[in-house]
PDB file of N, CA and C in Angstrom:
ATOM      1  N   MET A   1     -49.665  43.802  54.093  1.00  0.00           N
ATOM      2  CA  MET A   1     -49.035  44.599  53.266  1.00  0.00           C
ATOM      3  C   MET A   1     -49.648  45.831  52.644  1.00  0.00           C
ATOM      4  N   ALA A   2     -49.262  47.086  52.557  1.00  0.00           N
ATOM      5  CA  ALA A   2     -49.998  48.033  52.448  1.00  0.00           C
ATOM      6  C   ALA A   2     -50.174  48.025  50.860  1.00  0.00           C
ATOM      7  N   GLU A   3     -51.212  48.843  50.501  1.00  0.00           N
ATOM      8  CA  GLU A   3     -51.524  48.788  49.080  1.00  0.00           C
ATOM      9  C   GLU A   3     -50.367  49.888  48.757  1.00  0.00           C
ATOM     10  N   PRO A   4     -49.815  49.930  47.519  1.00  0.00           N
ATOM     11  CA  PRO A   4     -48.941  51.005  47.164  1.00  0.00           C
ATOM     12  C   PRO A   4     -49.110  52.348  47.147  1.00  0.00           C
ATOM     13  N   LEU A   5     -50.456  52.469  46.717  1.00  0.00           N
ATOM     14  CA  LEU A   5     -50.996  54.066  46.774  1.00  0.00           C
ATOM     15  C   LEU A   5     -51.038  54.499  48.108  1.00  0.00           C
ATOM     16  N   ASP A   6     -51.430  53.817  48.937  1.00  0.00           N
ATOM     17  CA  ASP A   6     -51.462  54.272  50.383  1.00  0.00           C
ATOM     18  C   ASP A   6     -50.383  54.608  50.979  1.00  0.00           C
ATOM     19  N   LEU A   7     -49.288  53.745  50.600  1.00  0.00           N
ATOM     20  CA  LEU A   7     -47.654  53.898  51.189  1.00  0.00           C
ATOM     21  C   LEU A   7     -47.217  55.005  50.577  1.00  0.00           C
ATOM     22  N   ALA A   8     -47.544  55.220  49.076  1.00  0.00           N
ATOM     23  CA  ALA A   8     -46.971  56.291  48.730  1.00  0.00           C
ATOM     24  C   ALA A   8     -47.424  57.692  49.119  1.00  0.00           C
ATOM     25  N   ARG A   9     -49.027  57.524  49.423  1.00  0.00           N
ATOM     26  CA  ARG A   9     -49.599  58.711  50.070  1.00  0.00           C
ATOM     27  C   ARG A   9     -48.820  59.352  51.541  1.00  0.00           C
ATOM     28  N   SER A  10     -48.749  58.038  52.179  1.00  0.00           N
ATOM     29  CA  SER A  10     -48.174  58.487  53.483  1.00  0.00           C
ATOM     30  C   SER A  10     -46.627  58.690  53.553  1.00  0.00           C
ATOM     31  N   ILE A  11     -45.816  58.361  52.386  1.00  0.00           N
ATOM     32  CA  ILE A  11     -44.615  58.702  52.486  1.00  0.00           C
ATOM     33  C   ILE A  11     -44.595  60.272  52.072  1.00  0.00           C
ATOM     34  N   ALA A  12     -45.285  60.473  50.910  1.00  0.00           N
ATOM     35  CA  ALA A  12     -45.466  61.715  50.456  1.00  0.00           C
ATOM     36  C   ALA A  12     -45.914  63.015  51.693  1.00  0.00           C
ATOM     37  N   THR A  13     -46.703  62.414  52.582  1.00  0.00           N
ATOM     38  CA  THR A  13     -47.102  63.434  53.584  1.00  0.00           C
ATOM     39  C   THR A  13     -46.077  63.408  54.764  1.00  0.00           C
ATOM     40  N   ALA A  14     -45.266  62.477  54.798  1.00  0.00           N
ATOM     41  CA  ALA A  14     -44.316  62.343  55.837  1.00  0.00           C
ATOM     42  C   ALA A  14     -43.187  63.428  55.396  1.00  0.00           C
ATOM     43  N   ILE A  15     -42.784  63.346  53.983  1.00  0.00           N
ATOM     44  CA  ILE A  15     -41.801  64.259  53.656  1.00  0.00           C
ATOM     45  C   ILE A  15     -42.312  65.625  53.731  1.00  0.00           C
ATOM     46  N   ASP A  16     -43.652  65.842  53.449  1.00  0.00           N
ATOM     47  CA  ASP A  16     -44.319  67.244  53.604  1.00  0.00           C
ATOM     48  C   ASP A  16     -44.081  67.931  54.903  1.00  0.00           C
ATOM     49  N   ASP A  17     -44.354  67.019  56.010  1.00  0.00           N
ATOM     50  CA  ASP A  17     -44.390  67.350  57.232  1.00  0.00           C
ATOM     51  C   ASP A  17     -42.877  67.724  57.777  1.00  0.00           C
ATOM     52  N   ARG A  18     -41.861  67.425  56.930  1.00  0.00           N
ATOM     53  CA  ARG A  18     -40.566  67.930  57.399  1.00  0.00           C
ATOM     54  C   ARG A  18     -40.077  69.223  56.321  1.00  0.00           C
ATOM     55  N   LYS A  19     -41.299  69.308  55.704  1.00  0.00           N
ATOM     56  CA  LYS A  19     -41.074  71.070  54.727  1.00  0.00           C
ATOM     57  C   LYS A  19     -39.927  70.546  53.714  1.00  0.00           C
ATOM     58  N   ALA A  20     -39.970  69.442  53.105  1.00  0.00           N
ATOM     59  CA  ALA A  20     -39.113  69.218  51.744  1.00  0.00           C
ATOM     60  C   ALA A  20     -39.874  69.854  50.730  1.00  0.00           C
ATOM     61  N   ARG A  21     -39.316  70.250  49.673  1.00  0.00           N
ATOM     62  CA  ARG A  21     -39.870  70.993  48.283  1.00  0.00           C
ATOM     63  C   ARG A  21     -39.952  70.048  47.119  1.00  0.00           C
ATOM     64  N   GLU A  22     -40.657  70.345  46.307  1.00  0.00           N
ATOM     65  CA  GLU A  22     -40.936  69.621  45.018  1.00  0.00           C
ATOM     66  C   GLU A  22     -41.230  68.332  45.069  1.00  0.00           C
ATOM     67  N   ILE A  23     -42.101  67.899  45.944  1.00  0.00           N
ATOM     68  CA  ILE A  23     -42.515  66.438  46.219  1.00  0.00           C
ATOM     69  C   ILE A  23     -43.541  65.986  45.004  1.00  0.00           C
ATOM     70  N   VAL A  24     -42.907  65.042  44.275  1.00  0.00           N
ATOM     71  CA  VAL A  24     -43.424  64.494  42.930  1.00  0.00           C
ATOM     72  C   VAL A  24     -43.901  63.101  43.367  1.00  0.00           C
ATOM     73  N   THR A  25     -44.723  62.492  43.054  1.00  0.00           N
ATOM     74  CA  THR A  25     -45.400  61.360  43.040  1.00  0.00           C
ATOM     75  C   THR A  25     -45.384  60.712  41.688  1.00  0.00           C
ATOM     76  N   LEU A  26     -44.588  59.883  41.241  1.00  0.00           N
ATOM     77  CA  LEU A  26     -44.840  59.146  39.727  1.00  0.00           C
ATOM     78  C   LEU A  26     -45.585  57.693  40.001  1.00  0.00           C
ATOM     79  N   ASP A  27     -46.373  57.650  39.028  1.00  0.00           N
ATOM     80  CA  ASP A  27     -47.189  56.620  39.020  1.00  0.00           C
ATOM     81  C   ASP A  27     -46.603  55.714  37.897  1.00  0.00           C
ATOM     82  N   LEU A  28     -45.631  54.487  38.106  1.00  0.00           N
ATOM     83  CA  LEU A  28     -44.738  53.805  37.073  1.00  0.00           C
ATOM     84  C   LEU A  28     -45.621  52.625  36.815  1.00  0.00           C
ATOM     85  N   ARG A  29     -46.873  52.243  37.357  1.00  0.00           N
ATOM     86  CA  ARG A  29     -47.298  50.713  37.158  1.00  0.00           C
ATOM     87  C   ARG A  29     -47.566  50.114  35.851  1.00  0.00           C
ATOM     88  N   SER A  30     -47.622  51.195  34.792  1.00  0.00           N
ATOM     89  CA  SER A  30     -47.820  50.954  33.551  1.00  0.00           C
ATOM     90  C   SER A  30     -46.455  51.143  32.587  1.00  0.00           C
ATOM     91  N   LEU A  31     -45.284  51.196  33.488  1.00  0.00           N
ATOM     92  CA  LEU A  31     -44.290  51.619  32.623  1.00  0.00           C
ATOM     93  C   LEU A  31     -42.921  50.766  32.999  1.00  0.00           C
ATOM     94  N   SER A  32     -43.107  50.117  34.223  1.00  0.00           N
ATOM     95  CA  SER A  32     -42.004  49.734  34.685  1.00  0.00           C
ATOM     96  C   SER A  32     -42.357  48.429  36.209  1.00  0.00           C
ATOM     97  N   ASP A  33     -41.339  47.400  36.037  1.00  0.00           N
ATOM     98  CA  ASP A  33     -41.659  46.483  36.941  1.00  0.00           C
ATOM     99  C   ASP A  33     -40.695  46.785  38.233  1.00  0.00           C
ATOM    100  N   VAL A  34     -39.948  47.912  38.256  1.00  0.00           N
ATOM    101  CA  VAL A  34     -38.945  48.117  39.006  1.00  0.00           C
ATOM    102  C   VAL A  34     -39.881  48.508  40.608  1.00  0.00           C
ATOM    103  N   ALA A  35     -40.904  49.270  40.255  1.00  0.00           N
ATOM    104  CA  ALA A  35     -41.927  49.614  41.653  1.00  0.00           C
ATOM    105  C   ALA A  35     -43.098  50.137  40.893  1.00  0.00           C
ATOM    106  N   ASP A  36     -43.793  50.230  41.698  1.00  0.00           N
ATOM    107  CA  ASP A  36     -45.264  51.067  41.384  1.00  0.00           C
ATOM    108  C   ASP A  36     -45.010  52.489  41.442  1.00  0.00           C
ATOM    109  N   PHE A  37     -44.499  53.302  42.404  1.00  0.00           N
ATOM    110  CA  PHE A  37     -44.390  54.536  42.172  1.00  0.00           C
ATOM    111  C   PHE A  37     -42.897  54.987  42.775  1.00  0.00           C
ATOM    112  N   PHE A  38     -42.690  56.013  42.457  1.00  0.00           N
ATOM    113  CA  PHE A  38     -41.535  56.823  42.694  1.00  0.00           C
ATOM    114  C   PHE A  38     -42.171  58.044  43.544  1.00  0.00           C
ATOM    115  N   VAL A  39     -41.610  58.576  44.755  1.00  0.00           N
ATOM    116  CA  VAL A  39     -41.748  59.700  45.312  1.00  0.00           C
ATOM    117  C   VAL A  39     -40.525  60.493  45.612  1.00  0.00           C
ATOM    118  N   ILE A  40     -40.408  61.621  45.008  1.00  0.00           N
ATOM    119  CA  ILE A  40     -39.108  62.440  44.649  1.00  0.00           C
ATOM    120  C   ILE A  40     -39.388  63.589  45.592  1.00  0.00           C
ATOM    121  N   ALA A  41     -38.217  64.061  46.004  1.00  0.00           N
ATOM    122  CA  ALA A  41     -38.532  65.401  46.870  1.00  0.00           C
ATOM    123  C   ALA A  41     -36.860  65.896  47.048  1.00  0.00           C
ATOM    124  N   THR A  42     -36.896  67.265  47.359  1.00  0.00           N
ATOM    125  CA  THR A  42     -35.939  67.985  47.348  1.00  0.00           C
ATOM    126  C   THR A  42     -35.629  68.358  49.039  1.00  0.00           C
ATOM    127  N   ALA A  43     -34.600  68.181  49.572  1.00  0.00           N
ATOM    128  CA  ALA A  43     -34.298  68.784  50.822  1.00  0.00           C
ATOM    129  C   ALA A  43     -33.073  69.892  50.649  1.00  0.00           C
ATOM    130  N   ALA A  44     -33.366  70.876  51.583  1.00  0.00           N
ATOM    131  CA  ALA A  44     -32.561  72.125  51.527  1.00  0.00           C
ATOM    132  C   ALA A  44     -31.257  71.886  51.789  1.00  0.00           C
ATOM    133  N   ASN A  45     -30.890  70.813  52.677  1.00  0.00           N
ATOM    134  CA  ASN A  45     -29.499  70.645  53.160  1.00  0.00           C
ATOM    135  C   ASN A  45     -29.525  69.131  54.064  1.00  0.00           C
ATOM    136  N   PRO A  46     -28.294  68.846  54.153  1.00  0.00           N
ATOM    137  CA  PRO A  46     -28.002  67.529  54.933  1.00  0.00           C
ATOM    138  C   PRO A  46     -29.128  67.244  55.976  1.00  0.00           C
ATOM    139  N   ARG A  47     -29.142  68.295  56.875  1.00  0.00           N
ATOM    140  CA  ARG A  47     -29.879  68.200  58.230  1.00  0.00           C
ATOM    141  C   ARG A  47     -31.447  67.704  57.912  1.00  0.00           C
ATOM    142  N   GLN A  48     -31.708  68.651  57.115  1.00  0.00           N
ATOM    143  CA  GLN A  48     -33.348  68.641  56.599  1.00  0.00           C
ATOM    144  C   GLN A  48     -33.592  67.031  55.775  1.00  0.00           C
ATOM    145  N   ALA A  49     -32.617  66.570  55.217  1.00  0.00           N
ATOM    146  CA  ALA A  49     -32.609  65.332  54.445  1.00  0.00           C
ATOM    147  C   ALA A  49     -32.777  64.187  55.619  1.00  0.00           C
ATOM    148  N   ASP A  50     -31.911  64.459  56.724  1.00  0.00           N
ATOM    149  CA  ASP A  50     -32.082  63.446  57.420  1.00  0.00           C
ATOM    150  C   ASP A  50     -33.249  63.348  58.301  1.00  0.00           C
ATOM    151  N   ALA A  51     -33.774  64.447  58.614  1.00  0.00           N
ATOM    152  CA  ALA A  51     -35.218  64.773  59.230  1.00  0.00           C
ATOM    153  C   ALA A  51     -36.088  64.120  58.453  1.00  0.00           C
ATOM    154  N   VAL A  52     -36.165  64.320  57.353  1.00  0.00           N
ATOM    155  CA  VAL A  52     -37.075  63.692  56.038  1.00  0.00           C
ATOM    156  C   VAL A  52     -37.150  62.039  56.201  1.00  0.00           C
ATOM    157  N   ILE A  53     -35.864  61.564  56.293  1.00  0.00           N
ATOM    158  CA  ILE A  53     -35.875  60.151  56.089  1.00  0.00           C
ATOM    159  C   ILE A  53     -36.128  59.530  57.274  1.00  0.00           C
ATOM    160  N   ASP A  54     -35.985  60.133  58.400  1.00  0.00           N
ATOM    161  CA  ASP A  54     -36.490  59.489  59.818  1.00  0.00           C
ATOM    162  C   ASP A  54     -37.949  59.766  60.022  1.00  0.00           C
ATOM    163  N   ARG A  55     -38.657  60.748  59.603  1.00  0.00           N
ATOM    164  CA  ARG A  55     -40.007  60.966  59.307  1.00  0.00           C
ATOM    165  C   ARG A  55     -40.725  59.783  58.362  1.00  0.00           C
ATOM    166  N   VAL A  56     -40.294  59.533  57.162  1.00  0.00           N
ATOM    167  CA  VAL A  56     -40.720  58.704  56.404  1.00  0.00           C
ATOM    168  C   VAL A  56     -40.940  57.410  57.000  1.00  0.00           C
ATOM    169  N   ILE A  57     -39.739  56.760  57.535  1.00  0.00           N
ATOM    170  CA  ILE A  57     -39.519  55.648  58.000  1.00  0.00           C
ATOM    171  C   ILE A  57     -40.290  55.468  59.237  1.00  0.00           C
ATOM    172  N   GLU A  58     -40.458  56.303  60.050  1.00  0.00           N
ATOM    173  CA  GLU A  58     -41.413  56.241  61.259  1.00  0.00           C
ATOM    174  C   GLU A  58     -42.919  56.387  60.804  1.00  0.00           C
ATOM    175  N   ARG A  59     -43.197  57.056  59.859  1.00  0.00           N
ATOM    176  CA  ARG A  59     -44.839  57.122  59.502  1.00  0.00           C
ATOM    177  C   ARG A  59     -45.212  55.806  58.837  1.00  0.00           C
ATOM    178  N   ALA A  60     -44.495  55.292  57.891  1.00  0.00           N
ATOM    179  CA  ALA A  60     -44.634  54.134  57.165  1.00  0.00           C
ATOM    180  C   ALA A  60     -44.948  53.072  58.311  1.00  0.00           C
ATOM    181  N   ARG A  61     -43.900  53.158  59.219  1.00  0.00           N
ATOM    182  CA  ARG A  61     -44.059  51.845  60.146  1.00  0.00           C
ATOM    183  C   ARG A  61     -45.152  51.994  61.019  1.00  0.00           C
ATOM    184  N   GLU A  62     -45.373  53.317  61.589  1.00  0.00           N
ATOM    185  CA  GLU A  62     -46.628  53.476  62.417  1.00  0.00           C
ATOM    186  C   GLU A  62     -48.086  53.407  61.903  1.00  0.00           C
ATOM    187  N   GLU A  63     -48.248  53.985  60.482  1.00  0.00           N
ATOM    188  CA  GLU A  63     -49.381  53.854  59.771  1.00  0.00           C
ATOM    189  C   GLU A  63     -49.900  52.487  59.328  1.00  0.00           C
ATOM    190  N   LEU A  64     -48.565  52.017  58.792  1.00  0.00           N
ATOM    191  CA  LEU A  64     -48.909  50.756  57.809  1.00  0.00           C
ATOM    192  C   LEU A  64     -48.262  49.745  58.055  1.00  0.00           C
ATOM    193  N   GLY A  65     -47.218  49.803  59.100  1.00  0.00           N
ATOM    194  CA  GLY A  65     -46.580  48.649  59.713  1.00  0.00           C
ATOM    195  C   GLY A  65     -45.498  48.348  58.372  1.00  0.00           C
ATOM    196  N   GLU A  66     -45.131  49.272  57.422  1.00  0.00           N
ATOM    197  CA  GLU A  66     -44.090  49.130  56.449  1.00  0.00           C
ATOM    198  C   GLU A  66     -42.698  49.575  57.025  1.00  0.00           C
ATOM    199  N   ARG A  67     -41.595  48.721  56.626  1.00  0.00           N
ATOM    200  CA  ARG A  67     -40.283  49.084  56.749  1.00  0.00           C
ATOM    201  C   ARG A  67     -39.685  49.025  55.432  1.00  0.00           C
ATOM    202  N   PRO A  68     -38.609  49.991  55.116  1.00  0.00           N
ATOM    203  CA  PRO A  68     -37.837  49.975  53.818  1.00  0.00           C
ATOM    204  C   PRO A  68     -36.975  48.461  53.893  1.00  0.00           C
ATOM    205  N   ILE A  69     -36.864  48.117  52.788  1.00  0.00           N
ATOM    206  CA  ILE A  69     -36.112  46.714  52.320  1.00  0.00           C
ATOM    207  C   ILE A  69     -34.848  47.346  52.360  1.00  0.00           C
ATOM    208  N   SER A  70     -34.195  48.595  51.786  1.00  0.00           N
ATOM    209  CA  SER A  70     -33.009  49.144  51.888  1.00  0.00           C
ATOM    210  C   SER A  70     -33.273  50.591  51.966  1.00  0.00           C
ATOM    211  N   VAL A  71     -31.865  51.030  52.551  1.00  0.00           N
ATOM    212  CA  VAL A  71     -31.646  52.600  52.614  1.00  0.00           C
ATOM    213  C   VAL A  71     -30.408  52.630  51.895  1.00  0.00           C
ATOM    214  N   GLU A  72     -30.139  53.638  50.735  1.00  0.00           N
ATOM    215  CA  GLU A  72     -29.058  53.723  50.466  1.00  0.00           C
ATOM    216  C   GLU A  72     -28.693  55.168  50.415  1.00  0.00           C
ATOM    217  N   GLY A  73     -27.421  55.548  50.600  1.00  0.00           N
ATOM    218  CA  GLY A  73     -26.972  57.044  50.596  1.00  0.00           C
ATOM    219  C   GLY A  73     -27.132  57.738  51.692  1.00  0.00           C
ATOM    220  N   ARG A  74     -27.521  57.334  52.490  1.00  0.00           N
ATOM    221  CA  ARG A  74     -27.843  58.066  54.188  1.00  0.00           C
ATOM    222  C   ARG A  74     -26.367  58.650  54.465  1.00  0.00           C
ATOM    223  N   GLU A  75     -25.243  57.862  54.049  1.00  0.00           N
ATOM    224  CA  GLU A  75     -23.960  58.405  54.654  1.00  0.00           C
ATOM    225  C   GLU A  75     -23.579  59.994  54.273  1.00  0.00           C
ATOM    226  N   GLY A  76     -23.965  60.242  52.933  1.00  0.00           N
ATOM    227  CA  GLY A  76     -23.652  61.606  52.321  1.00  0.00           C
ATOM    228  C   GLY A  76     -24.885  62.604  52.101  1.00  0.00           C
ATOM    229  N   LEU A  77     -25.864  61.997  52.178  1.00  0.00           N
ATOM    230  CA  LEU A  77     -27.282  62.669  52.353  1.00  0.00           C
ATOM    231  C   LEU A  77     -27.318  63.395  50.959  1.00  0.00           C
ATOM    232  N   LYS A  78     -26.377  63.317  49.936  1.00  0.00           N
ATOM    233  CA  LYS A  78     -27.120  63.812  48.732  1.00  0.00           C
ATOM    234  C   LYS A  78     -28.045  63.584  47.658  1.00  0.00           C
ATOM    235  N   TRP A  79     -28.105  62.074  47.853  1.00  0.00           N
ATOM    236  CA  TRP A  79     -29.195  61.403  47.466  1.00  0.00           C
ATOM    237  C   TRP A  79     -29.541  60.045  48.052  1.00  0.00           C
ATOM    238  N   VAL A  80     -30.743  60.312  48.834  1.00  0.00           N
ATOM    239  CA  VAL A  80     -31.017  59.037  49.634  1.00  0.00           C
ATOM    240  C   VAL A  80     -32.150  58.017  48.878  1.00  0.00           C
ATOM    241  N   LEU A  81     -32.064  57.116  48.875  1.00  0.00           N
ATOM    242  CA  LEU A  81     -32.862  56.132  48.389  1.00  0.00           C
ATOM    243  C   LEU A  81     -33.524  55.099  49.573  1.00  0.00           C
ATOM    244  N   LEU A  82     -34.888  55.059  49.608  1.00  0.00           N
ATOM    245  CA  LEU A  82     -35.612  54.227  50.500  1.00  0.00           C
ATOM    246  C   LEU A  82     -36.244  53.131  49.852  1.00  0.00           C
ATOM    247  N   ASP A  83     -36.038  52.245  49.659  1.00  0.00           N
ATOM    248  CA  ASP A  83     -36.767  50.963  48.703  1.00  0.00           C
ATOM    249  C   ASP A  83     -37.823  50.315  49.545  1.00  0.00           C
ATOM    250  N   TYR A  84     -39.071  50.390  49.402  1.00  0.00           N
ATOM    251  CA  TYR A  84     -39.949  49.822  50.105  1.00  0.00           C
ATOM    252  C   TYR A  84     -40.578  48.604  49.148  1.00  0.00           C
ATOM    253  N   GLY A  85     -40.199  48.465  48.213  1.00  0.00           N
ATOM    254  CA  GLY A  85     -40.412  47.322  47.087  1.00  0.00           C
ATOM    255  C   GLY A  85     -41.191  48.000  45.995  1.00  0.00           C
ATOM    256  N   THR A  86     -42.735  48.263  46.318  1.00  0.00           N
ATOM    257  CA  THR A  86     -43.555  48.937  45.591  1.00  0.00           C
ATOM    258  C   THR A  86     -43.494  50.269  45.394  1.00  0.00           C
ATOM    259  N   VAL A  87     -42.944  50.925  46.501  1.00  0.00           N
ATOM    260  CA  VAL A  87     -42.632  52.397  46.111  1.00  0.00           C
ATOM    261  C   VAL A  87     -41.070  52.608  46.671  1.00  0.00           C
ATOM    262  N   VAL A  88     -40.410  53.682  45.886  1.00  0.00           N
ATOM    263  CA  VAL A  88     -39.217  53.775  46.067  1.00  0.00           C
ATOM    264  C   VAL A  88     -38.976  55.538  46.267  1.00  0.00           C
ATOM    265  N   VAL A  89     -38.442  55.797  47.088  1.00  0.00           N
ATOM    266  CA  VAL A  89     -38.458  57.290  47.616  1.00  0.00           C
ATOM    267  C   VAL A  89     -37.085  57.782  47.493  1.00  0.00           C
ATOM    268  N   HIS A  90     -37.071  58.850  46.800  1.00  0.00           N
ATOM    269  CA  HIS A  90     -35.634  59.544  46.427  1.00  0.00           C
ATOM    270  C   HIS A  90     -35.785  60.953  47.083  1.00  0.00           C
ATOM    271  N   ILE A  91     -34.851  61.222  48.114  1.00  0.00           N
ATOM    272  CA  ILE A  91     -34.730  62.509  48.675  1.00  0.00           C
ATOM    273  C   ILE A  91     -33.317  63.012  48.179  1.00  0.00           C
ATOM    274  N   PHE A  92     -33.238  64.336  47.565  1.00  0.00           N
ATOM    275  CA  PHE A  92     -32.321  64.633  46.838  1.00  0.00           C
ATOM    276  C   PHE A  92     -31.836  65.923  47.421  1.00  0.00           C
ATOM    277  N   GLN A  93     -30.564  66.238  47.159  1.00  0.00           N
ATOM    278  CA  GLN A  93     -29.966  67.780  47.555  1.00  0.00           C
ATOM    279  C   GLN A  93     -30.529  68.224  46.174  1.00  0.00           C
ATOM    280  N   GLU A  94     -30.550  69.628  46.082  1.00  0.00           N
ATOM    281  CA  GLU A  94     -31.092  70.496  44.956  1.00  0.00           C
ATOM    282  C   GLU A  94     -30.197  70.035  43.489  1.00  0.00           C
ATOM    283  N   GLU A  95     -28.888  70.274  43.825  1.00  0.00           N
ATOM    284  CA  GLU A  95     -27.697  70.119  42.827  1.00  0.00           C
ATOM    285  C   GLU A  95     -27.957  68.877  42.265  1.00  0.00           C
ATOM    286  N   ILE A  96     -28.034  67.661  42.919  1.00  0.00           N
ATOM    287  CA  ILE A  96     -28.106  66.253  42.705  1.00  0.00           C
ATOM    288  C   ILE A  96     -29.548  66.079  41.775  1.00  0.00           C
ATOM    289  N   ARG A  97     -30.511  66.531  42.364  1.00  0.00           N
ATOM    290  CA  ARG A  97     -31.828  66.360  41.583  1.00  0.00           C
ATOM    291  C   ARG A  97     -31.850  67.002  40.241  1.00  0.00           C
ATOM    292  N   ASP A  98     -31.298  68.275  40.288  1.00  0.00           N
ATOM    293  CA  ASP A  98     -31.230  68.850  38.852  1.00  0.00           C
ATOM    294  C   ASP A  98     -30.229  68.037  37.928  1.00  0.00           C
ATOM    295  N   TYR A  99     -29.252  67.590  38.421  1.00  0.00           N
ATOM    296  CA  TYR A  99     -28.297  66.883  37.541  1.00  0.00           C
ATOM    297  C   TYR A  99     -29.089  65.434  37.018  1.00  0.00           C
ATOM    298  N   TYR A 100     -29.634  64.734  37.822  1.00  0.00           N
ATOM    299  CA  TYR A 100     -30.140  63.348  37.528  1.00  0.00           C
ATOM    300  C   TYR A 100     -31.627  63.534  36.498  1.00  0.00           C
ATOM    301  N   ARG A 101     -32.497  64.266  37.060  1.00  0.00           N
ATOM    302  CA  ARG A 101     -33.790  64.863  36.646  1.00  0.00           C
ATOM    303  C   ARG A 101     -34.649  63.717  36.336  1.00  0.00           C
ATOM    304  N   LEU A 102     -34.927  62.927  37.465  1.00  0.00           N
ATOM    305  CA  LEU A 102     -35.563  61.594  37.349  1.00  0.00           C
ATOM    306  C   LEU A 102     -37.036  62.014  36.831  1.00  0.00           C
ATOM    307  N   GLU A 103     -37.582  62.954  37.055  1.00  0.00           N
ATOM    308  CA  GLU A 103     -38.964  63.182  36.491  1.00  0.00           C
ATOM    309  C   GLU A 103     -38.746  63.359  34.902  1.00  0.00           C
ATOM    310  N   ARG A 104     -37.958  63.974  34.413  1.00  0.00           N
ATOM    311  CA  ARG A 104     -37.626  63.806  32.633  1.00  0.00           C
ATOM    312  C   ARG A 104     -37.153  62.339  32.222  1.00  0.00           C
ATOM    313  N   LEU A 105     -36.463  61.785  33.166  1.00  0.00           N
ATOM    314  CA  LEU A 105     -36.217  60.326  32.817  1.00  0.00           C
ATOM    315  C   LEU A 105     -37.426  59.466  32.740  1.00  0.00           C
ATOM    316  N   TRP A 106     -38.405  59.754  33.524  1.00  0.00           N
ATOM    317  CA  TRP A 106     -39.644  59.063  33.702  1.00  0.00           C
ATOM    318  C   TRP A 106     -40.635  59.844  33.225  1.00  0.00           C
ATOM    319  N   GLY A 107     -40.516  60.794  32.113  1.00  0.00           N
ATOM    320  CA  GLY A 107     -41.417  61.739  31.693  1.00  0.00           C
ATOM    321  C   GLY A 107     -42.714  61.280  31.276  1.00  0.00           C
ATOM    322  N   ASP A 108     -43.035  59.902  31.110  1.00  0.00           N
ATOM    323  CA  ASP A 108     -44.100  59.354  30.509  1.00  0.00           C
ATOM    324  C   ASP A 108     -44.935  58.734  31.563  1.00  0.00           C
ATOM    325  N   ALA A 109     -44.458  58.977  33.043  1.00  0.00           N
ATOM    326  CA  ALA A 109     -45.230  58.807  34.104  1.00  0.00           C
ATOM    327  C   ALA A 109     -46.334  59.815  34.717  1.00  0.00           C
ATOM    328  N   PRO A 110     -47.496  59.240  34.824  1.00  0.00           N
ATOM    329  CA  PRO A 110     -48.449  60.137  35.438  1.00  0.00           C
ATOM    330  C   PRO A 110     -47.874  60.335  36.839  1.00  0.00           C
ATOM    331  N   ARG A 111     -48.157  62.135  36.975  1.00  0.00           N
ATOM    332  CA  ARG A 111     -48.018  62.360  38.384  1.00  0.00           C
ATOM    333  C   ARG A 111     -49.092  62.216  39.079  1.00  0.00           C
ATOM    334  N   ILE A 112     -49.229  61.830  40.520  1.00  0.00           N
ATOM    335  CA  ILE A 112     -50.210  61.469  41.462  1.00  0.00           C
ATOM    336  C   ILE A 112     -50.036  62.741  42.455  1.00  0.00           C
ATOM    337  N   ALA A 113     -50.880  63.766  42.745  1.00  0.00           N
ATOM    338  CA  ALA A 113     -51.263  64.876  43.453  1.00  0.00           C
ATOM    339  C   ALA A 113     -52.106  64.501  44.565  1.00  0.00           C
ATOM    340  N   PHE A 114     -51.359  64.489  46.001  1.00  0.00           N
ATOM    341  CA  PHE A 114     -52.257  64.217  47.018  1.00  0.00           C
ATOM    342  C   PHE A 114     -52.569  65.714  47.898  1.00  0.00           C
ATOM    343  N   GLY A 115     -52.342  66.897  47.166  1.00  0.00           N
ATOM    344  CA  GLY A 115     -52.899  68.118  47.960  1.00  0.00           C
ATOM    345  C   GLY A 115     -51.910  68.613  48.535  1.00  0.00           C
ATOM    346  N   LEU A 116     -50.715  68.349  48.635  1.00  0.00           N
ATOM    347  CA  LEU A 116     -49.720  68.445  49.778  1.00  0.00           C
ATOM    348  C   LEU A 116     -49.041  70.024  49.380  1.00  0.00           C
ATOM    349  N   GLU A 117     -48.625  70.810  50.503  1.00  0.00           N
ATOM    350  CA  GLU A 117     -48.307  72.245  50.300  1.00  0.00           C
ATOM    351  C   GLU A 117     -46.858  72.139  49.500  1.00  0.00           C
ATOM    352  N   GLY A 118     -45.918  70.882  49.655  1.00  0.00           N
ATOM    353  CA  GLY A 118     -44.722  70.873  49.114  1.00  0.00           C
ATOM    354  C   GLY A 118     -44.661  70.180  47.786  1.00  0.00           C
ATOM    355  N   GLU A 119     -45.803  69.999  47.042  1.00  0.00           N
ATOM    356  CA  GLU A 119     -45.782  69.069  45.999  1.00  0.00           C
ATOM    357  C   GLU A 119     -45.504  69.954  44.831  1.00  0.00           C
ATOM    358  N   GLY A 120     -45.170  69.627  43.497  1.00  0.00           N
ATOM    359  CA  GLY A 120     -44.752  70.379  42.635  1.00  0.00           C
ATOM    360  C   GLY A 120     -43.550  70.415  42.042  1.00  0.00           C
ATOM    361  N   GLY A 121     -43.112  71.304  41.000  1.00  0.00           N
ATOM    362  CA  GLY A 121     -41.824  71.833  40.776  1.00  0.00           C
ATOM    363  C   GLY A 121     -40.977  70.789  40.224  1.00  0.00           C
ATOM    364  N   ALA A 122     -39.875  70.999  39.858  1.00  0.00           N
ATOM    365  CA  ALA A 122     -38.755  70.300  39.328  1.00  0.00           C
ATOM    366  C   ALA A 122     -39.266  69.475  38.248  1.00  0.00           C
ATOM    367  N   GLU A 123     -39.907  70.288  37.209  1.00  0.00           N
ATOM    368  CA  GLU A 123     -39.987  69.635  35.840  1.00  0.00           C
ATOM    369  C   GLU A 123     -38.818  68.814  35.163  1.00  0.00           C
ATOM    370  N   GLY A 124     -37.878  69.421  35.227  1.00  0.00           N
ATOM    371  CA  GLY A 124     -36.791  68.642  34.469  1.00  0.00           C
ATOM    372  C   GLY A 124     -36.493  68.865  32.827  1.00  0.00           C
ATOM    373  N   ALA A 125     -36.853  69.898  32.760  1.00  0.00           N
ATOM    374  CA  ALA A 125     -37.077  70.426  31.191  1.00  0.00           C
ATOM    375  C   ALA A 125     -35.500  70.460  30.772  1.00  0.00           C
TER     376      ALA A 125
END
């Protein structure tokens, strides 16, 4: 089993590979028993969301031998959740991300930066 931070880094990098925007990794270890990290990103359209999801699944499997426990929302591609147990991935279309503003909901969670091009944004103010 991969270390949660290594899995979060691999996932965030996979998301960045497919040019998703506003990639944010939240450290929930001191705040929640749900997961250790959330990785959140915005896809420009359903096609990009689908490519991002495929890349995340592929990279986590190839690099770390990890597979998602479940994948929810792939039908509509407006908000797709990939649950890896310790890391939960949220891929949003922009309007849905703006509506739910997970960064604001988890505003006390520290952000982890991996130095990726697509990191940042979506403050949820």
